């Protein structure tokens, strides 16, 4: 994925801002807070996970997502700390 493709998605950016502010959320909570449906939210989370920006943790059947500890994710955290 190109950098332009990543940053042009408002939903992905909103997911990252929520995870930055709240730590971790499951897909349903993210969808509700974003005002989108579960499938759309899940699709964006798959992209973010594939890029190494978010990581997931299973608790029973529930998947919790948080910002990963990768270089890409740390760079975004730095950006958010300055911007938000």
PDB file of N, CA and C in Angstrom:
ATOM      1  N   UNK A   1       0.848  -1.176   0.000  1.00  0.00           N
ATOM      2  CA  UNK A   1       0.000   0.000   0.000  1.00  0.00           C
ATOM      3  C   UNK A   1       0.895   1.241   0.000  1.00  0.00           C
ATOM      4  N   UNK A   2       0.494   2.234  -0.766  1.00  0.00           N
ATOM      5  CA  UNK A   2       1.227   3.482  -0.826  1.00  0.00           C
ATOM      6  C   UNK A   2       0.802   4.394   0.320  1.00  0.00           C
ATOM      7  N   UNK A   3       1.686   5.251   0.720  1.00  0.00           N
ATOM      8  CA  UNK A   3       1.411   6.183   1.803  1.00  0.00           C
ATOM      9  C   UNK A   3       0.174   7.025   1.518  1.00  0.00           C
ATOM     10  N   UNK A   4       0.012   7.457   0.275  1.00  0.00           N
ATOM     11  CA  UNK A   4      -1.148   8.271  -0.098  1.00  0.00           C
ATOM     12  C   UNK A   4      -2.451   7.500   0.097  1.00  0.00           C
ATOM     13  N   UNK A   5      -2.442   6.218  -0.253  1.00  0.00           N
ATOM     14  CA  UNK A   5      -3.633   5.388  -0.099  1.00  0.00           C
ATOM     15  C   UNK A   5      -4.001   5.237   1.370  1.00  0.00           C
ATOM     16  N   UNK A   6      -2.988   5.118   2.188  1.00  0.00           N
ATOM     17  CA  UNK A   6      -3.216   4.924   3.613  1.00  0.00           C
ATOM     18  C   UNK A   6      -3.852   6.164   4.234  1.00  0.00           C
ATOM     19  N   UNK A   7      -3.266   7.333   3.987  1.00  0.00           N
ATOM     20  CA  UNK A   7      -3.731   8.556   4.623  1.00  0.00           C
ATOM     21  C   UNK A   7      -5.002   9.126   4.007  1.00  0.00           C
ATOM     22  N   UNK A   8      -5.408   8.678   2.834  1.00  0.00           N
ATOM     23  CA  UNK A   8      -6.614   9.237   2.219  1.00  0.00           C
ATOM     24  C   UNK A   8      -7.899   8.604   2.761  1.00  0.00           C
ATOM     25  N   UNK A   9      -7.797   7.580   3.586  1.00  0.00           N
ATOM     26  CA  UNK A   9      -8.989   6.947   4.140  1.00  0.00           C
ATOM     27  C   UNK A   9      -9.368   7.593   5.475  1.00  0.00           C
ATOM     28  N   UNK A  10     -10.496   8.298   5.477  1.00  0.00           N
ATOM     29  CA  UNK A  10     -10.965   8.939   6.708  1.00  0.00           C
ATOM     30  C   UNK A  10     -11.280   7.899   7.782  1.00  0.00           C
ATOM     31  N   UNK A  11     -11.843   6.777   7.378  1.00  0.00           N
ATOM     32  CA  UNK A  11     -12.202   5.749   8.360  1.00  0.00           C
ATOM     33  C   UNK A  11     -10.954   5.182   9.018  1.00  0.00           C
ATOM     34  N   UNK A  12      -9.922   4.877   8.234  1.00  0.00           N
ATOM     35  CA  UNK A  12      -8.689   4.352   8.832  1.00  0.00           C
ATOM     36  C   UNK A  12      -8.071   5.369   9.784  1.00  0.00           C
ATOM     37  N   UNK A  13      -8.072   6.624   9.401  1.00  0.00           N
ATOM     38  CA  UNK A  13      -7.510   7.654  10.271  1.00  0.00           C
ATOM     39  C   UNK A  13      -8.330   7.791  11.553  1.00  0.00           C
ATOM     40  N   UNK A  14      -9.646   7.678  11.445  1.00  0.00           N
ATOM     41  CA  UNK A  14     -10.493   7.757  12.639  1.00  0.00           C
ATOM     42  C   UNK A  14     -10.267   6.554  13.554  1.00  0.00           C
ATOM     43  N   UNK A  15     -10.081   5.380  12.967  1.00  0.00           N
ATOM     44  CA  UNK A  15      -9.776   4.184  13.762  1.00  0.00           C
ATOM     45  C   UNK A  15      -8.490   4.410  14.544  1.00  0.00           C
ATOM     46  N   UNK A  16      -7.470   4.901  13.867  1.00  0.00           N
ATOM     47  CA  UNK A  16      -6.186   5.125  14.525  1.00  0.00           C
ATOM     48  C   UNK A  16      -6.284   6.168  15.627  1.00  0.00           C
ATOM     49  N   UNK A  17      -7.042   7.237  15.397  1.00  0.00           N
ATOM     50  CA  UNK A  17      -7.220   8.255  16.428  1.00  0.00           C
ATOM     51  C   UNK A  17      -7.939   7.686  17.644  1.00  0.00           C
ATOM     52  N   UNK A  18      -8.952   6.867  17.408  1.00  0.00           N
ATOM     53  CA  UNK A  18      -9.666   6.242  18.534  1.00  0.00           C
ATOM     54  C   UNK A  18      -8.750   5.308  19.324  1.00  0.00           C
ATOM     55  N   UNK A  19      -7.980   4.506  18.617  1.00  0.00           N
ATOM     56  CA  UNK A  19      -7.068   3.597  19.309  1.00  0.00           C
ATOM     57  C   UNK A  19      -5.980   4.376  20.043  1.00  0.00           C
ATOM     58  N   UNK A  20      -5.540   5.473  19.485  1.00  0.00           N
ATOM     59  CA  UNK A  20      -4.557   6.324  20.149  1.00  0.00           C
ATOM     60  C   UNK A  20      -5.131   6.882  21.446  1.00  0.00           C
ATOM     61  N   UNK A  21      -6.363   7.360  21.391  1.00  0.00           N
ATOM     62  CA  UNK A  21      -6.989   7.990  22.554  1.00  0.00           C
ATOM     63  C   UNK A  21      -7.442   6.980  23.607  1.00  0.00           C
ATOM     64  N   UNK A  22      -7.981   5.834  23.159  1.00  0.00           N
ATOM     65  CA  UNK A  22      -8.630   4.904  24.088  1.00  0.00           C
ATOM     66  C   UNK A  22      -7.833   3.635  24.379  1.00  0.00           C
ATOM     67  N   UNK A  23      -6.773   3.395  23.664  1.00  0.00           N
ATOM     68  CA  UNK A  23      -5.945   2.220  23.931  1.00  0.00           C
ATOM     69  C   UNK A  23      -6.311   1.024  23.084  1.00  0.00           C
ATOM     70  N   UNK A  24      -7.440   0.409  23.384  1.00  0.00           N
ATOM     71  CA  UNK A  24      -7.874  -0.738  22.584  1.00  0.00           C
ATOM     72  C   UNK A  24      -9.384  -0.818  22.575  1.00  0.00           C
ATOM     73  N   UNK A  25      -9.903  -1.312  21.476  1.00  0.00           N
ATOM     74  CA  UNK A  25     -11.346  -1.479  21.296  1.00  0.00           C
ATOM     75  C   UNK A  25     -11.587  -2.701  20.435  1.00  0.00           C
ATOM     76  N   UNK A  26     -12.784  -3.277  20.562  1.00  0.00           N
ATOM     77  CA  UNK A  26     -13.127  -4.374  19.665  1.00  0.00           C
ATOM     78  C   UNK A  26     -13.809  -3.812  18.421  1.00  0.00           C
ATOM     79  N   UNK A  27     -14.010  -4.659  17.446  1.00  0.00           N
ATOM     80  CA  UNK A  27     -14.543  -4.216  16.159  1.00  0.00           C
ATOM     81  C   UNK A  27     -15.914  -3.572  16.305  1.00  0.00           C
ATOM     82  N   UNK A  28     -16.776  -4.149  17.104  1.00  0.00           N
ATOM     83  CA  UNK A  28     -18.127  -3.597  17.285  1.00  0.00           C
ATOM     84  C   UNK A  28     -18.090  -2.218  17.919  1.00  0.00           C
ATOM     85  N   UNK A  29     -17.256  -2.045  18.945  1.00  0.00           N
ATOM     86  CA  UNK A  29     -17.132  -0.729  19.582  1.00  0.00           C
ATOM     87  C   UNK A  29     -16.593   0.312  18.603  1.00  0.00           C
ATOM     88  N   UNK A  30     -15.598  -0.084  17.824  1.00  0.00           N
ATOM     89  CA  UNK A  30     -15.062   0.837  16.824  1.00  0.00           C
ATOM     90  C   UNK A  30     -16.134   1.220  15.811  1.00  0.00           C
ATOM     91  N   UNK A  31     -16.864   0.249  15.311  1.00  0.00           N
ATOM     92  CA  UNK A  31     -17.914   0.520  14.313  1.00  0.00           C
ATOM     93  C   UNK A  31     -18.959   1.476  14.885  1.00  0.00           C
ATOM     94  N   UNK A  32     -19.371   1.245  16.115  1.00  0.00           N
ATOM     95  CA  UNK A  32     -20.381   2.096  16.746  1.00  0.00           C
ATOM     96  C   UNK A  32     -19.861   3.532  16.898  1.00  0.00           C
ATOM     97  N   UNK A  33     -18.637   3.679  17.352  1.00  0.00           N
ATOM     98  CA  UNK A  33     -18.069   5.011  17.545  1.00  0.00           C
ATOM     99  C   UNK A  33     -17.823   5.731  16.215  1.00  0.00           C
ATOM    100  N   UNK A  34     -17.552   4.965  15.161  1.00  0.00           N
ATOM    101  CA  UNK A  34     -17.315   5.545  13.837  1.00  0.00           C
ATOM    102  C   UNK A  34     -18.607   5.840  13.079  1.00  0.00           C
ATOM    103  N   UNK A  35     -19.691   5.197  13.487  1.00  0.00           N
ATOM    104  CA  UNK A  35     -20.945   5.344  12.763  1.00  0.00           C
ATOM    105  C   UNK A  35     -20.958   4.548  11.471  1.00  0.00           C
ATOM    106  N   UNK A  36     -20.162   3.477  11.429  1.00  0.00           N
ATOM    107  CA  UNK A  36     -20.120   2.599  10.261  1.00  0.00           C
ATOM    108  C   UNK A  36     -20.597   1.214  10.677  1.00  0.00           C
ATOM    109  N   UNK A  37     -20.721   0.329   9.707  1.00  0.00           N
ATOM    110  CA  UNK A  37     -21.137  -1.019  10.068  1.00  0.00           C
ATOM    111  C   UNK A  37     -19.917  -1.895  10.359  1.00  0.00           C
ATOM    112  N   UNK A  38     -20.174  -3.046  10.912  1.00  0.00           N
ATOM    113  CA  UNK A  38     -19.139  -3.977  11.346  1.00  0.00           C
ATOM    114  C   UNK A  38     -18.238  -4.407  10.187  1.00  0.00           C
ATOM    115  N   UNK A  39     -18.834  -4.724   9.040  1.00  0.00           N
ATOM    116  CA  UNK A  39     -18.078  -5.236   7.889  1.00  0.00           C
ATOM    117  C   UNK A  39     -17.090  -4.191   7.365  1.00  0.00           C
ATOM    118  N   UNK A  40     -17.536  -2.955   7.256  1.00  0.00           N
ATOM    119  CA  UNK A  40     -16.661  -1.881   6.782  1.00  0.00           C
ATOM    120  C   UNK A  40     -15.498  -1.682   7.759  1.00  0.00           C
ATOM    121  N   UNK A  41     -15.814  -1.649   9.033  1.00  0.00           N
ATOM    122  CA  UNK A  41     -14.782  -1.475  10.060  1.00  0.00           C
ATOM    123  C   UNK A  41     -13.788  -2.623  10.029  1.00  0.00           C
ATOM    124  N   UNK A  42     -14.290  -3.834   9.932  1.00  0.00           N
ATOM    125  CA  UNK A  42     -13.417  -5.014   9.893  1.00  0.00           C
ATOM    126  C   UNK A  42     -12.478  -4.961   8.690  1.00  0.00           C
ATOM    127  N   UNK A  43     -12.996  -4.544   7.541  1.00  0.00           N
ATOM    128  CA  UNK A  43     -12.185  -4.455   6.323  1.00  0.00           C
ATOM    129  C   UNK A  43     -11.014  -3.484   6.519  1.00  0.00           C
ATOM    130  N   UNK A  44     -11.278  -2.352   7.160  1.00  0.00           N
ATOM    131  CA  UNK A  44     -10.213  -1.386   7.407  1.00  0.00           C
ATOM    132  C   UNK A  44      -9.221  -1.907   8.452  1.00  0.00           C
ATOM    133  N   UNK A  45      -9.707  -2.618   9.440  1.00  0.00           N
ATOM    134  CA  UNK A  45      -8.808  -3.194  10.440  1.00  0.00           C
ATOM    135  C   UNK A  45      -7.879  -4.238   9.828  1.00  0.00           C
ATOM    136  N   UNK A  46      -8.392  -4.999   8.879  1.00  0.00           N
ATOM    137  CA  UNK A  46      -7.559  -5.991   8.186  1.00  0.00           C
ATOM    138  C   UNK A  46      -6.411  -5.286   7.453  1.00  0.00           C
ATOM    139  N   UNK A  47      -6.714  -4.184   6.794  1.00  0.00           N
ATOM    140  CA  UNK A  47      -5.677  -3.419   6.088  1.00  0.00           C
ATOM    141  C   UNK A  47      -4.638  -2.898   7.082  1.00  0.00           C
ATOM    142  N   UNK A  48      -5.118  -2.327   8.184  1.00  0.00           N
ATOM    143  CA  UNK A  48      -4.205  -1.769   9.188  1.00  0.00           C
ATOM    144  C   UNK A  48      -3.348  -2.849   9.837  1.00  0.00           C
ATOM    145  N   UNK A  49      -3.938  -4.011  10.056  1.00  0.00           N
ATOM    146  CA  UNK A  49      -3.181  -5.115  10.644  1.00  0.00           C
ATOM    147  C   UNK A  49      -2.140  -5.645   9.652  1.00  0.00           C
ATOM    148  N   UNK A  50      -2.533  -5.762   8.404  1.00  0.00           N
ATOM    149  CA  UNK A  50      -1.615  -6.234   7.360  1.00  0.00           C
ATOM    150  C   UNK A  50      -0.414  -5.302   7.217  1.00  0.00           C
ATOM    151  N   UNK A  51      -0.642  -4.009   7.373  1.00  0.00           N
ATOM    152  CA  UNK A  51       0.426  -3.013   7.273  1.00  0.00           C
ATOM    153  C   UNK A  51       1.264  -2.919   8.551  1.00  0.00           C
ATOM    154  N   UNK A  52       0.862  -3.634   9.599  1.00  0.00           N
ATOM    155  CA  UNK A  52       1.623  -3.615  10.845  1.00  0.00           C
ATOM    156  C   UNK A  52       1.362  -2.389  11.702  1.00  0.00           C
ATOM    157  N   UNK A  53       0.223  -1.741  11.491  1.00  0.00           N
ATOM    158  CA  UNK A  53      -0.115  -0.538  12.245  1.00  0.00           C
ATOM    159  C   UNK A  53      -0.896  -0.885  13.508  1.00  0.00           C
ATOM    160  N   UNK A  54      -1.782  -1.863  13.412  1.00  0.00           N
ATOM    161  CA  UNK A  54      -2.533  -2.324  14.585  1.00  0.00           C
ATOM    162  C   UNK A  54      -2.246  -3.799  14.826  1.00  0.00           C
ATOM    163  N   UNK A  55      -2.453  -4.195  16.052  1.00  0.00           N
ATOM    164  CA  UNK A  55      -2.342  -5.612  16.399  1.00  0.00           C
ATOM    165  C   UNK A  55      -3.629  -6.007  17.101  1.00  0.00           C
ATOM    166  N   UNK A  56      -3.899  -7.291  17.117  1.00  0.00           N
ATOM    167  CA  UNK A  56      -5.131  -7.747  17.769  1.00  0.00           C
ATOM    168  C   UNK A  56      -4.810  -8.749  18.867  1.00  0.00           C
ATOM    169  N   UNK A  57      -5.721  -8.785  19.819  1.00  0.00           N
ATOM    170  CA  UNK A  57      -5.628  -9.707  20.933  1.00  0.00           C
ATOM    171  C   UNK A  57      -6.989 -10.369  21.070  1.00  0.00           C
ATOM    172  N   UNK A  58      -6.966 -11.678  21.175  1.00  0.00           N
ATOM    173  CA  UNK A  58      -8.220 -12.415  21.346  1.00  0.00           C
ATOM    174  C   UNK A  58      -8.539 -12.581  22.820  1.00  0.00           C
ATOM    175  N   UNK A  59      -9.792 -12.349  23.149  1.00  0.00           N
ATOM    176  CA  UNK A  59     -10.309 -12.613  24.486  1.00  0.00           C
ATOM    177  C   UNK A  59     -11.598 -13.395  24.273  1.00  0.00           C
ATOM    178  N   UNK A  60     -11.499 -14.720  24.339  1.00  0.00           N
ATOM    179  CA  UNK A  60     -12.630 -15.561  23.961  1.00  0.00           C
ATOM    180  C   UNK A  60     -12.830 -15.432  22.463  1.00  0.00           C
ATOM    181  N   UNK A  61     -14.031 -15.030  22.061  1.00  0.00           N
ATOM    182  CA  UNK A  61     -14.316 -14.832  20.638  1.00  0.00           C
ATOM    183  C   UNK A  61     -14.148 -13.376  20.209  1.00  0.00           C
ATOM    184  N   UNK A  62     -13.868 -12.511  21.158  1.00  0.00           N
ATOM    185  CA  UNK A  62     -13.763 -11.086  20.867  1.00  0.00           C
ATOM    186  C   UNK A  62     -12.340 -10.709  20.499  1.00  0.00           C
ATOM    187  N   UNK A  63     -12.217  -9.954  19.413  1.00  0.00           N
ATOM    188  CA  UNK A  63     -10.917  -9.459  18.974  1.00  0.00           C
ATOM    189  C   UNK A  63     -10.779  -7.994  19.393  1.00  0.00           C
ATOM    190  N   UNK A  64      -9.755  -7.714  20.165  1.00  0.00           N
ATOM    191  CA  UNK A  64      -9.453  -6.350  20.569  1.00  0.00           C
ATOM    192  C   UNK A  64      -8.281  -5.844  19.738  1.00  0.00           C
ATOM    193  N   UNK A  65      -8.404  -4.624  19.259  1.00  0.00           N
ATOM    194  CA  UNK A  65      -7.354  -4.022  18.440  1.00  0.00           C
ATOM    195  C   UNK A  65      -6.722  -2.870  19.195  1.00  0.00           C
ATOM    196  N   UNK A  66      -5.416  -2.709  18.973  1.00  0.00           N
ATOM    197  CA  UNK A  66      -4.660  -1.597  19.548  1.00  0.00           C
ATOM    198  C   UNK A  66      -3.547  -1.244  18.573  1.00  0.00           C
ATOM    199  N   UNK A  67      -2.927  -0.099  18.796  1.00  0.00           N
ATOM    200  CA  UNK A  67      -1.803   0.276  17.956  1.00  0.00           C
ATOM    201  C   UNK A  67      -0.658  -0.689  18.218  1.00  0.00           C
ATOM    202  N   UNK A  68      -0.008  -1.122  17.160  1.00  0.00           N
ATOM    203  CA  UNK A  68       1.089  -2.088  17.270  1.00  0.00           C
ATOM    204  C   UNK A  68       2.342  -1.393  17.798  1.00  0.00           C
ATOM    205  N   UNK A  69       3.346  -2.185  18.061  1.00  0.00           N
ATOM    206  CA  UNK A  69       4.617  -1.625  18.533  1.00  0.00           C
ATOM    207  C   UNK A  69       5.662  -1.625  17.410  1.00  0.00           C
ATOM    208  N   UNK A  70       5.202  -1.465  16.188  1.00  0.00           N
ATOM    209  CA  UNK A  70       6.097  -1.433  15.028  1.00  0.00           C
ATOM    210  C   UNK A  70       6.591  -0.010  14.784  1.00  0.00           C
ATOM    211  N   UNK A  71       7.582   0.108  13.937  1.00  0.00           N
ATOM    212  CA  UNK A  71       8.122   1.420  13.591  1.00  0.00           C
ATOM    213  C   UNK A  71       7.060   2.307  12.946  1.00  0.00           C
ATOM    214  N   UNK A  72       6.255   1.737  12.056  1.00  0.00           N
ATOM    215  CA  UNK A  72       5.181   2.506  11.406  1.00  0.00           C
ATOM    216  C   UNK A  72       4.194   3.037  12.447  1.00  0.00           C
ATOM    217  N   UNK A  73       3.777   2.175  13.364  1.00  0.00           N
ATOM    218  CA  UNK A  73       2.804   2.577  14.380  1.00  0.00           C
ATOM    219  C   UNK A  73       3.396   3.635  15.309  1.00  0.00           C
ATOM    220  N   UNK A  74       4.653   3.477  15.680  1.00  0.00           N
ATOM    221  CA  UNK A  74       5.297   4.472  16.557  1.00  0.00           C
ATOM    222  C   UNK A  74       5.397   5.829  15.854  1.00  0.00           C
ATOM    223  N   UNK A  75       5.637   5.807  14.543  1.00  0.00           N
ATOM    224  CA  UNK A  75       5.686   7.062  13.786  1.00  0.00           C
ATOM    225  C   UNK A  75       4.322   7.743  13.794  1.00  0.00           C
ATOM    226  N   UNK A  76       3.262   6.968  13.652  1.00  0.00           N
ATOM    227  CA  UNK A  76       1.912   7.542  13.700  1.00  0.00           C
ATOM    228  C   UNK A  76       1.589   8.072  15.093  1.00  0.00           C
ATOM    229  N   UNK A  77       2.022   7.365  16.118  1.00  0.00           N
ATOM    230  CA  UNK A  77       1.796   7.833  17.492  1.00  0.00           C
ATOM    231  C   UNK A  77       2.468   9.183  17.694  1.00  0.00           C
ATOM    232  N   UNK A  78       3.686   9.320  17.207  1.00  0.00           N
ATOM    233  CA  UNK A  78       4.395  10.599  17.303  1.00  0.00           C
ATOM    234  C   UNK A  78       3.626  11.691  16.570  1.00  0.00           C
ATOM    235  N   UNK A  79       3.126  11.378  15.387  1.00  0.00           N
ATOM    236  CA  UNK A  79       2.322  12.329  14.627  1.00  0.00           C
ATOM    237  C   UNK A  79       1.081  12.744  15.418  1.00  0.00           C
ATOM    238  N   UNK A  80       0.373  11.781  15.981  1.00  0.00           N
ATOM    239  CA  UNK A  80      -0.832  12.074  16.752  1.00  0.00           C
ATOM    240  C   UNK A  80      -0.519  12.892  17.998  1.00  0.00           C
ATOM    241  N   UNK A  81       0.582  12.589  18.658  1.00  0.00           N
ATOM    242  CA  UNK A  81       0.956  13.347  19.849  1.00  0.00           C
ATOM    243  C   UNK A  81       1.169  14.819  19.523  1.00  0.00           C
ATOM    244  N   UNK A  82       1.708  15.092  18.348  1.00  0.00           N
ATOM    245  CA  UNK A  82       1.952  16.476  17.933  1.00  0.00           C
ATOM    246  C   UNK A  82       0.696  17.137  17.387  1.00  0.00           C
ATOM    247  N   UNK A  83      -0.143  16.357  16.716  1.00  0.00           N
ATOM    248  CA  UNK A  83      -1.273  16.909  15.993  1.00  0.00           C
ATOM    249  C   UNK A  83      -2.541  17.012  16.843  1.00  0.00           C
ATOM    250  N   UNK A  84      -2.777  16.028  17.690  1.00  0.00           N
ATOM    251  CA  UNK A  84      -4.058  15.966  18.416  1.00  0.00           C
ATOM    252  C   UNK A  84      -3.952  16.668  19.749  1.00  0.00           C
TER     253      UNK A  84
END
